[in-house]
Amino acid sequence: MYTKIIIDGIVDGLNGKNGLIRQHFHSAKKTKDKFRLLIMSQTKNRHVGRVVVEYVGYKVRLMDWDNFSASFKHIGDALVSAGVIEDDNPKIIINFLPRQVKVSKLKDQRVEIIIQDV
């Protein structure tokens, strides 16, 4: 099975005003709920078992890899709570492939999450 989810705009990484390091747990819950609803509006797919996740950020300004990879945290939790994947641990997501693509316009910024069964 193949699932592609698109989140328009940018997703916060570790640093910055709304970064994960500084985020209060109430804000984190709201963010996860927002992502869960967005995910549920785009797919009804349910991946049972092991998957490969490709996490692609289209950004005007590229992030450091640790920040970009960490920006998947709330999205991964939302994928689990939406029932799209069973869990976000390494036994289920056997390969996590972060990638960034530079774009020239703010309106083109987005994140794509591509999930494929193994």
N, C-alpha and C. Protein backbone atom coordinates (compact mmCIF):
# COMPACT_ATOMS: atom_id res chain seq x y z
N MET A 1 0.84 -1.17 0.00
CA MET A 1 0.00 0.00 0.00
C MET A 1 0.89 1.24 0.00
N TYR A 2 0.40 2.29 -0.58
CA TYR A 2 1.11 3.55 -0.72
C TYR A 2 0.22 4.68 -0.23
N THR A 3 0.75 5.54 0.63
CA THR A 3 0.00 6.69 1.13
C THR A 3 0.88 7.93 1.01
N LYS A 4 0.29 9.02 0.52
CA LYS A 4 1.00 10.30 0.45
C LYS A 4 0.15 11.36 1.14
N ILE A 5 0.76 12.03 2.09
CA ILE A 5 0.10 13.09 2.85
C ILE A 5 0.88 14.37 2.66
N ILE A 6 0.17 15.48 2.44
CA ILE A 6 0.82 16.77 2.22
C ILE A 6 0.38 17.75 3.31
N ILE A 7 1.38 18.39 3.91
CA ILE A 7 1.13 19.43 4.91
C ILE A 7 1.68 20.72 4.32
N ASP A 8 0.80 21.66 4.02
CA ASP A 8 1.22 22.93 3.45
C ASP A 8 1.93 23.79 4.49
N GLY A 9 2.88 24.60 4.03
CA GLY A 9 3.63 25.48 4.92
C GLY A 9 4.83 24.75 5.49
N ILE A 10 5.35 25.29 6.58
CA ILE A 10 6.51 24.68 7.20
C ILE A 10 6.11 24.03 8.52
N VAL A 11 6.87 23.02 8.91
CA VAL A 11 6.68 22.32 10.17
C VAL A 11 7.86 22.70 11.06
N ASP A 12 7.57 23.10 12.29
CA ASP A 12 8.63 23.54 13.19
C ASP A 12 9.58 22.41 13.54
N GLY A 13 10.87 22.75 13.63
CA GLY A 13 11.91 21.82 14.05
C GLY A 13 12.19 21.97 15.54
N LEU A 14 13.42 21.69 15.93
CA LEU A 14 13.80 21.80 17.34
C LEU A 14 13.88 23.24 17.81
N ASN A 15 14.45 24.10 16.97
CA ASN A 15 14.75 25.47 17.37
C ASN A 15 13.68 26.45 16.90
N GLY A 16 13.87 27.69 17.26
CA GLY A 16 12.95 28.73 16.83
C GLY A 16 11.89 29.03 17.87
N LYS A 17 11.10 30.05 17.59
CA LYS A 17 10.07 30.52 18.52
C LYS A 17 9.08 29.41 18.90
N ASN A 18 8.67 28.61 17.94
CA ASN A 18 7.71 27.53 18.18
C ASN A 18 8.36 26.15 18.16
N GLY A 19 9.69 26.10 18.31
CA GLY A 19 10.43 24.85 18.22
C GLY A 19 10.05 23.84 19.29
N LEU A 20 10.33 22.59 19.01
CA LEU A 20 9.97 21.50 19.92
C LEU A 20 10.66 21.63 21.28
N ILE A 21 11.86 22.20 21.30
CA ILE A 21 12.59 22.35 22.56
C ILE A 21 11.83 23.27 23.51
N ARG A 22 11.21 24.30 22.98
CA ARG A 22 10.54 25.31 23.80
C ARG A 22 9.04 25.08 23.94
N GLN A 23 8.52 24.06 23.33
CA GLN A 23 7.07 23.89 23.25
C GLN A 23 6.49 23.31 24.54
N HIS A 24 5.48 23.96 25.06
CA HIS A 24 4.76 23.48 26.24
C HIS A 24 3.92 22.28 25.82
N PHE A 25 3.68 21.35 26.75
CA PHE A 25 2.98 20.12 26.38
C PHE A 25 1.56 20.38 25.88
N HIS A 26 0.91 21.46 26.33
CA HIS A 26 -0.43 21.78 25.81
C HIS A 26 -0.34 22.19 24.34
N SER A 27 0.68 22.96 23.99
CA SER A 27 0.89 23.35 22.59
C SER A 27 1.22 22.14 21.74
N ALA A 28 2.02 21.24 22.30
CA ALA A 28 2.37 20.02 21.57
C ALA A 28 1.12 19.19 21.28
N LYS A 29 0.23 19.07 22.25
CA LYS A 29 -1.01 18.31 22.04
C LYS A 29 -1.87 18.94 20.96
N LYS A 30 -1.97 20.27 20.98
CA LYS A 30 -2.75 20.96 19.94
C LYS A 30 -2.15 20.73 18.56
N THR A 31 -0.83 20.77 18.48
CA THR A 31 -0.15 20.54 17.20
C THR A 31 -0.40 19.12 16.70
N LYS A 32 -0.28 18.14 17.59
CA LYS A 32 -0.52 16.75 17.21
C LYS A 32 -1.96 16.55 16.76
N ASP A 33 -2.91 17.15 17.47
CA ASP A 33 -4.32 17.05 17.09
C ASP A 33 -4.58 17.67 15.72
N LYS A 34 -3.94 18.82 15.46
CA LYS A 34 -4.08 19.48 14.16
C LYS A 34 -3.56 18.57 13.04
N PHE A 35 -2.39 17.96 13.26
CA PHE A 35 -1.83 17.05 12.26
C PHE A 35 -2.71 15.81 12.09
N ARG A 36 -3.23 15.28 13.20
CA ARG A 36 -4.08 14.08 13.13
C ARG A 36 -5.32 14.35 12.27
N LEU A 37 -5.97 15.48 12.49
CA LEU A 37 -7.15 15.83 11.70
C LEU A 37 -6.80 16.04 10.23
N LEU A 38 -5.68 16.67 9.97
CA LEU A 38 -5.23 16.88 8.60
C LEU A 38 -4.94 15.55 7.91
N ILE A 39 -4.28 14.66 8.62
CA ILE A 39 -3.98 13.33 8.08
C ILE A 39 -5.26 12.56 7.79
N MET A 40 -6.19 12.58 8.74
CA MET A 40 -7.45 11.85 8.56
C MET A 40 -8.28 12.42 7.41
N SER A 41 -8.12 13.70 7.11
CA SER A 41 -8.86 14.30 6.00
C SER A 41 -8.26 13.91 4.64
N GLN A 42 -7.03 13.40 4.65
CA GLN A 42 -6.36 13.07 3.39
C GLN A 42 -6.33 11.58 3.07
N THR A 43 -6.48 10.73 4.08
CA THR A 43 -6.39 9.30 3.81
C THR A 43 -7.22 8.48 4.80
N LYS A 44 -7.69 7.35 4.32
CA LYS A 44 -8.34 6.35 5.16
C LYS A 44 -7.47 5.09 5.23
N ASN A 45 -6.29 5.13 4.59
CA ASN A 45 -5.39 3.98 4.55
C ASN A 45 -4.92 3.59 5.94
N ARG A 46 -4.77 2.29 6.15
CA ARG A 46 -4.25 1.73 7.39
C ARG A 46 -3.13 0.77 7.03
N HIS A 47 -1.91 1.15 7.37
CA HIS A 47 -0.75 0.29 7.10
C HIS A 47 -0.55 -0.64 8.28
N VAL A 48 -0.66 -1.92 8.03
CA VAL A 48 -0.50 -2.93 9.07
C VAL A 48 0.89 -3.52 8.91
N GLY A 49 1.70 -3.41 9.93
CA GLY A 49 3.04 -3.97 9.87
C GLY A 49 4.08 -2.93 9.51
N ARG A 50 5.19 -3.45 8.99
CA ARG A 50 6.37 -2.62 8.75
C ARG A 50 6.19 -1.72 7.53
N VAL A 51 6.77 -0.50 7.64
CA VAL A 51 6.66 0.48 6.58
C VAL A 51 7.99 1.22 6.39
N VAL A 52 8.10 1.87 5.25
CA VAL A 52 9.17 2.82 4.96
C VAL A 52 8.49 4.18 4.88
N VAL A 53 9.06 5.17 5.56
CA VAL A 53 8.52 6.53 5.55
C VAL A 53 9.54 7.46 4.90
N GLU A 54 9.10 8.12 3.84
CA GLU A 54 9.90 9.16 3.22
C GLU A 54 9.32 10.49 3.66
N TYR A 55 10.16 11.34 4.22
CA TYR A 55 9.74 12.62 4.79
C TYR A 55 10.45 13.72 4.00
N VAL A 56 9.69 14.41 3.14
CA VAL A 56 10.29 15.37 2.20
C VAL A 56 9.80 16.77 2.53
N GLY A 57 10.75 17.67 2.79
CA GLY A 57 10.42 19.06 3.05
C GLY A 57 10.79 19.93 1.87
N TYR A 58 9.84 20.68 1.37
CA TYR A 58 10.07 21.64 0.30
C TYR A 58 10.14 23.01 0.98
N LYS A 59 11.34 23.61 1.00
CA LYS A 59 11.55 24.80 1.82
C LYS A 59 12.34 25.86 1.07
N VAL A 60 12.02 27.12 1.39
CA VAL A 60 12.79 28.24 0.86
C VAL A 60 14.16 28.26 1.54
N ARG A 61 14.16 27.99 2.83
CA ARG A 61 15.41 27.97 3.60
C ARG A 61 15.55 26.58 4.23
N LEU A 62 16.58 25.86 3.83
CA LEU A 62 16.77 24.50 4.33
C LEU A 62 17.18 24.51 5.79
N MET A 63 16.79 23.47 6.50
CA MET A 63 17.08 23.33 7.94
C MET A 63 18.28 22.41 8.12
N ASP A 64 18.94 22.51 9.29
CA ASP A 64 19.94 21.52 9.66
C ASP A 64 19.23 20.17 9.74
N TRP A 65 19.97 19.09 9.48
CA TRP A 65 19.34 17.77 9.43
C TRP A 65 18.72 17.33 10.74
N ASP A 66 19.38 17.68 11.86
CA ASP A 66 18.80 17.27 13.15
C ASP A 66 17.48 17.99 13.40
N ASN A 67 17.38 19.25 13.02
CA ASN A 67 16.13 19.99 13.18
C ASN A 67 15.05 19.46 12.26
N PHE A 68 15.43 19.20 11.01
CA PHE A 68 14.43 18.72 10.06
C PHE A 68 13.90 17.35 10.46
N SER A 69 14.78 16.44 10.82
CA SER A 69 14.34 15.10 11.22
C SER A 69 13.45 15.16 12.46
N ALA A 70 13.80 16.04 13.42
CA ALA A 70 13.00 16.18 14.64
C ALA A 70 11.61 16.74 14.34
N SER A 71 11.46 17.48 13.26
CA SER A 71 10.15 18.06 12.92
C SER A 71 9.11 16.98 12.60
N PHE A 72 9.55 15.75 12.42
CA PHE A 72 8.65 14.62 12.17
C PHE A 72 7.97 14.14 13.46
N LYS A 73 8.48 14.54 14.63
CA LYS A 73 8.01 14.02 15.91
C LYS A 73 6.49 14.06 16.05
N HIS A 74 5.89 15.23 15.93
CA HIS A 74 4.44 15.34 16.11
C HIS A 74 3.68 14.70 14.96
N ILE A 75 4.24 14.73 13.78
CA ILE A 75 3.60 14.09 12.62
C ILE A 75 3.58 12.58 12.83
N GLY A 76 4.69 12.02 13.28
CA GLY A 76 4.74 10.58 13.55
C GLY A 76 3.73 10.15 14.60
N ASP A 77 3.63 10.94 15.67
CA ASP A 77 2.63 10.65 16.71
C ASP A 77 1.21 10.75 16.15
N ALA A 78 0.98 11.74 15.28
CA ALA A 78 -0.34 11.92 14.67
C ALA A 78 -0.68 10.77 13.72
N LEU A 79 0.32 10.26 13.00
CA LEU A 79 0.08 9.11 12.11
C LEU A 79 -0.38 7.89 12.92
N VAL A 80 0.21 7.72 14.09
CA VAL A 80 -0.18 6.60 14.96
C VAL A 80 -1.58 6.82 15.51
N SER A 81 -1.85 8.02 16.05
CA SER A 81 -3.17 8.26 16.65
C SER A 81 -4.28 8.26 15.60
N ALA A 82 -3.96 8.58 14.35
CA ALA A 82 -4.95 8.52 13.27
C ALA A 82 -5.13 7.10 12.75
N GLY A 83 -4.27 6.17 13.19
CA GLY A 83 -4.39 4.78 12.77
C GLY A 83 -3.78 4.48 11.41
N VAL A 84 -3.01 5.41 10.87
CA VAL A 84 -2.40 5.18 9.55
C VAL A 84 -1.26 4.17 9.66
N ILE A 85 -0.46 4.27 10.73
CA ILE A 85 0.58 3.28 11.01
C ILE A 85 0.35 2.75 12.42
N GLU A 86 0.89 1.56 12.69
CA GLU A 86 0.68 0.93 14.00
C GLU A 86 1.45 1.61 15.11
N ASP A 87 2.67 2.02 14.82
CA ASP A 87 3.53 2.65 15.82
C ASP A 87 4.61 3.41 15.08
N ASP A 88 5.33 4.27 15.80
CA ASP A 88 6.40 5.02 15.15
C ASP A 88 7.78 4.56 15.63
N ASN A 89 7.83 3.35 16.15
CA ASN A 89 9.12 2.83 16.61
C ASN A 89 9.86 2.14 15.46
N PRO A 90 11.16 1.86 15.64
CA PRO A 90 11.97 1.27 14.56
C PRO A 90 11.56 -0.15 14.13
N LYS A 91 10.75 -0.84 14.93
CA LYS A 91 10.26 -2.15 14.50
C LYS A 91 9.18 -2.01 13.44
N ILE A 92 8.50 -0.87 13.42
CA ILE A 92 7.43 -0.62 12.44
C ILE A 92 7.95 0.25 11.30
N ILE A 93 8.53 1.41 11.64
CA ILE A 93 9.15 2.25 10.60
C ILE A 93 10.59 1.76 10.45
N ILE A 94 10.78 0.82 9.53
CA ILE A 94 12.09 0.19 9.42
C ILE A 94 13.08 1.06 8.65
N ASN A 95 12.58 2.04 7.91
CA ASN A 95 13.46 2.96 7.20
C ASN A 95 12.80 4.33 7.17
N PHE A 96 13.49 5.33 7.68
CA PHE A 96 13.01 6.71 7.71
C PHE A 96 13.94 7.53 6.84
N LEU A 97 13.40 8.10 5.77
CA LEU A 97 14.22 8.78 4.77
C LEU A 97 13.89 10.27 4.72
N PRO A 98 14.60 11.11 5.50
CA PRO A 98 14.36 12.55 5.43
C PRO A 98 15.06 13.14 4.21
N ARG A 99 14.40 14.08 3.55
CA ARG A 99 14.98 14.74 2.37
C ARG A 99 14.43 16.15 2.30
N GLN A 100 15.27 17.09 1.88
CA GLN A 100 14.84 18.48 1.72
C GLN A 100 15.07 18.92 0.29
N VAL A 101 14.14 19.71 -0.21
CA VAL A 101 14.21 20.24 -1.57
C VAL A 101 14.06 21.75 -1.47
N LYS A 102 14.98 22.48 -2.07
CA LYS A 102 14.91 23.94 -2.03
C LYS A 102 13.90 24.43 -3.06
N VAL A 103 13.00 25.31 -2.62
CA VAL A 103 12.04 25.95 -3.51
C VAL A 103 12.27 27.46 -3.44
N SER A 104 11.79 28.18 -4.43
CA SER A 104 12.06 29.62 -4.47
C SER A 104 10.92 30.48 -3.94
N LYS A 105 9.72 29.92 -3.81
CA LYS A 105 8.57 30.72 -3.39
C LYS A 105 7.98 30.18 -2.09
N LEU A 106 7.61 31.11 -1.19
CA LEU A 106 7.00 30.73 0.09
C LEU A 106 5.75 29.88 -0.11
N LYS A 107 4.98 30.17 -1.12
CA LYS A 107 3.72 29.43 -1.34
C LYS A 107 3.96 27.97 -1.73
N ASP A 108 5.19 27.64 -2.12
CA ASP A 108 5.52 26.27 -2.50
C ASP A 108 6.03 25.44 -1.33
N GLN A 109 6.16 26.04 -0.14
CA GLN A 109 6.67 25.30 1.01
C GLN A 109 5.63 24.30 1.50
N ARG A 110 6.09 23.09 1.77
CA ARG A 110 5.21 22.03 2.24
C ARG A 110 6.06 20.86 2.72
N VAL A 111 5.41 19.92 3.33
CA VAL A 111 6.03 18.66 3.72
C VAL A 111 5.19 17.54 3.14
N GLU A 112 5.85 16.56 2.55
CA GLU A 112 5.16 15.38 2.04
C GLU A 112 5.63 14.17 2.83
N ILE A 113 4.68 13.37 3.26
CA ILE A 113 4.98 12.14 3.97
C ILE A 113 4.50 11.00 3.08
N ILE A 114 5.43 10.17 2.67
CA ILE A 114 5.12 9.04 1.78
C ILE A 114 5.37 7.76 2.57
N ILE A 115 4.33 6.95 2.67
CA ILE A 115 4.42 5.71 3.47
C ILE A 115 4.17 4.54 2.52
N GLN A 116 5.06 3.55 2.59
CA GLN A 116 4.91 2.35 1.77
C GLN A 116 5.10 1.11 2.63
N ASP A 117 4.24 0.13 2.40
CA ASP A 117 4.38 -1.14 3.09
C ASP A 117 5.65 -1.84 2.62
N VAL A 118 6.20 -2.64 3.53
CA VAL A 118 7.40 -3.42 3.19
C VAL A 118 6.99 -4.84 2.85
